[in-house]
Amino acid sequence: MSRKRKQYSPEFKSKVALAALRNEVTVAELSARFKIHPTMIHNWKRVLLDGAADIFGKGLKTSKQNEAKADELYRQIGKLKVERDFLSKKLSL
């Protein structure tokens, strides 16, 4: 009989990692409270710390990408309006 590994949601992992970062209670106490191995808490804490810079960097990057995409879409909308107006004038003649 094989045992399946338990899968934890990203929300749960972040909750536990943030609790570990706060240092209000020990990792052993967190382990008992959440019923997970202390090594998992240490791993999730390390992943959170390693990825923190990416979180802030991606926010700025996606904002700039969204602005560029919006500008391109507005340009296309303007072009389509001009084409529509031109064709509607030609058809009404």
Protein backbone atom coordinates (compact mmCIF):
# COMPACT_ATOMS: atom_id res chain seq x y z
CA MET A 1 0.00 0.00 0.00
CA SER A 2 1.54 3.26 -1.10
CA ARG A 3 1.04 6.55 0.68
CA LYS A 4 0.47 9.71 -1.27
CA ARG A 5 2.33 12.82 -0.29
CA LYS A 6 0.20 15.55 1.10
CA GLN A 7 -0.01 18.60 -1.17
CA TYR A 8 -0.14 22.01 0.48
CA SER A 9 -1.61 25.10 -1.13
CA PRO A 10 0.58 28.13 -1.82
CA GLU A 11 -1.58 30.12 0.60
CA PHE A 12 -0.89 27.65 3.40
CA LYS A 13 2.83 27.59 2.65
CA SER A 14 3.05 31.37 2.68
CA LYS A 15 1.06 31.55 5.91
CA VAL A 16 3.44 29.13 7.64
CA ALA A 17 6.57 30.76 6.18
CA LEU A 18 5.45 34.22 7.28
CA ALA A 19 4.70 32.91 10.75
CA ALA A 20 8.21 31.47 10.87
CA LEU A 21 9.69 34.79 9.73
CA ARG A 22 7.92 36.69 12.49
CA ASN A 23 9.81 34.63 15.12
CA GLU A 24 6.92 34.97 17.59
CA VAL A 25 6.99 31.22 18.21
CA THR A 26 9.58 28.55 17.59
CA VAL A 27 9.65 26.34 14.53
CA ALA A 28 8.87 23.37 16.78
CA GLU A 29 5.72 25.10 18.00
CA LEU A 30 4.71 25.96 14.44
CA SER A 31 5.36 22.37 13.45
CA ALA A 32 3.05 21.11 16.19
CA ARG A 33 0.36 23.69 15.43
CA PHE A 34 0.24 23.06 11.67
CA LYS A 35 1.11 19.34 11.91
CA ILE A 36 4.02 19.50 9.46
CA HIS A 37 7.70 18.62 9.72
CA PRO A 38 10.06 21.41 10.86
CA THR A 39 12.25 20.86 7.80
CA MET A 40 9.32 21.83 5.58
CA ILE A 41 8.92 25.07 7.52
CA HIS A 42 12.60 25.88 7.08
CA ASN A 43 12.41 25.10 3.35
CA TRP A 44 9.32 27.25 2.81
CA LYS A 45 10.91 30.08 4.79
CA ARG A 46 14.05 29.90 2.62
CA VAL A 47 11.98 29.86 -0.59
CA LEU A 48 10.06 32.90 0.60
CA LEU A 49 13.23 34.81 1.41
CA ASP A 50 14.91 33.82 -1.86
CA GLY A 51 11.88 34.80 -3.93
CA ALA A 52 11.06 38.07 -2.17
CA ALA A 53 13.13 40.16 -4.58
CA ASP A 54 11.34 38.60 -7.56
CA ILE A 55 7.96 39.54 -6.14
CA PHE A 56 8.84 43.23 -6.05
CA GLY A 57 10.67 43.12 -9.37
CA LYS A 58 7.81 41.44 -11.21
CA GLY A 59 5.32 44.02 -9.97
CA LEU A 60 7.20 46.83 -11.65
CA LYS A 61 7.90 44.81 -14.78
CA THR A 62 4.29 43.78 -15.29
CA SER A 63 3.13 47.34 -14.74
CA LYS A 64 5.41 48.58 -17.52
CA GLN A 65 4.36 45.70 -19.75
CA ASN A 66 0.69 46.49 -19.15
CA GLU A 67 1.26 50.15 -20.04
CA ALA A 68 3.03 49.21 -23.26
CA LYS A 69 0.27 46.76 -24.16
CA ALA A 70 -2.42 49.36 -23.44
CA ASP A 71 -0.63 51.93 -25.62
CA GLU A 72 -0.44 49.42 -28.49
CA LEU A 73 -4.14 48.57 -28.13
CA TYR A 74 -5.14 52.26 -28.12
CA ARG A 75 -3.06 52.77 -31.26
CA GLN A 76 -4.84 49.88 -32.97
CA ILE A 77 -8.24 51.20 -31.88
CA GLY A 78 -7.44 54.58 -33.38
CA LYS A 79 -6.32 53.00 -36.64
CA LEU A 80 -9.49 50.90 -36.86
CA LYS A 81 -11.69 53.95 -36.21
CA VAL A 82 -9.99 55.86 -39.03
CA GLU A 83 -10.43 52.89 -41.39
CA ARG A 84 -14.10 52.49 -40.39
CA ASP A 85 -14.83 56.17 -40.93
CA PHE A 86 -13.06 56.12 -44.31
CA LEU A 87 -14.97 53.07 -45.48
CA SER A 88 -18.33 54.37 -44.24
CA LYS A 89 -17.77 57.61 -46.18
CA LYS A 90 -16.85 55.67 -49.36
CA LEU A 91 -19.91 53.43 -49.06
CA SER A 92 -22.31 56.34 -48.55
CA LEU A 93 -21.25 58.01 -51.83
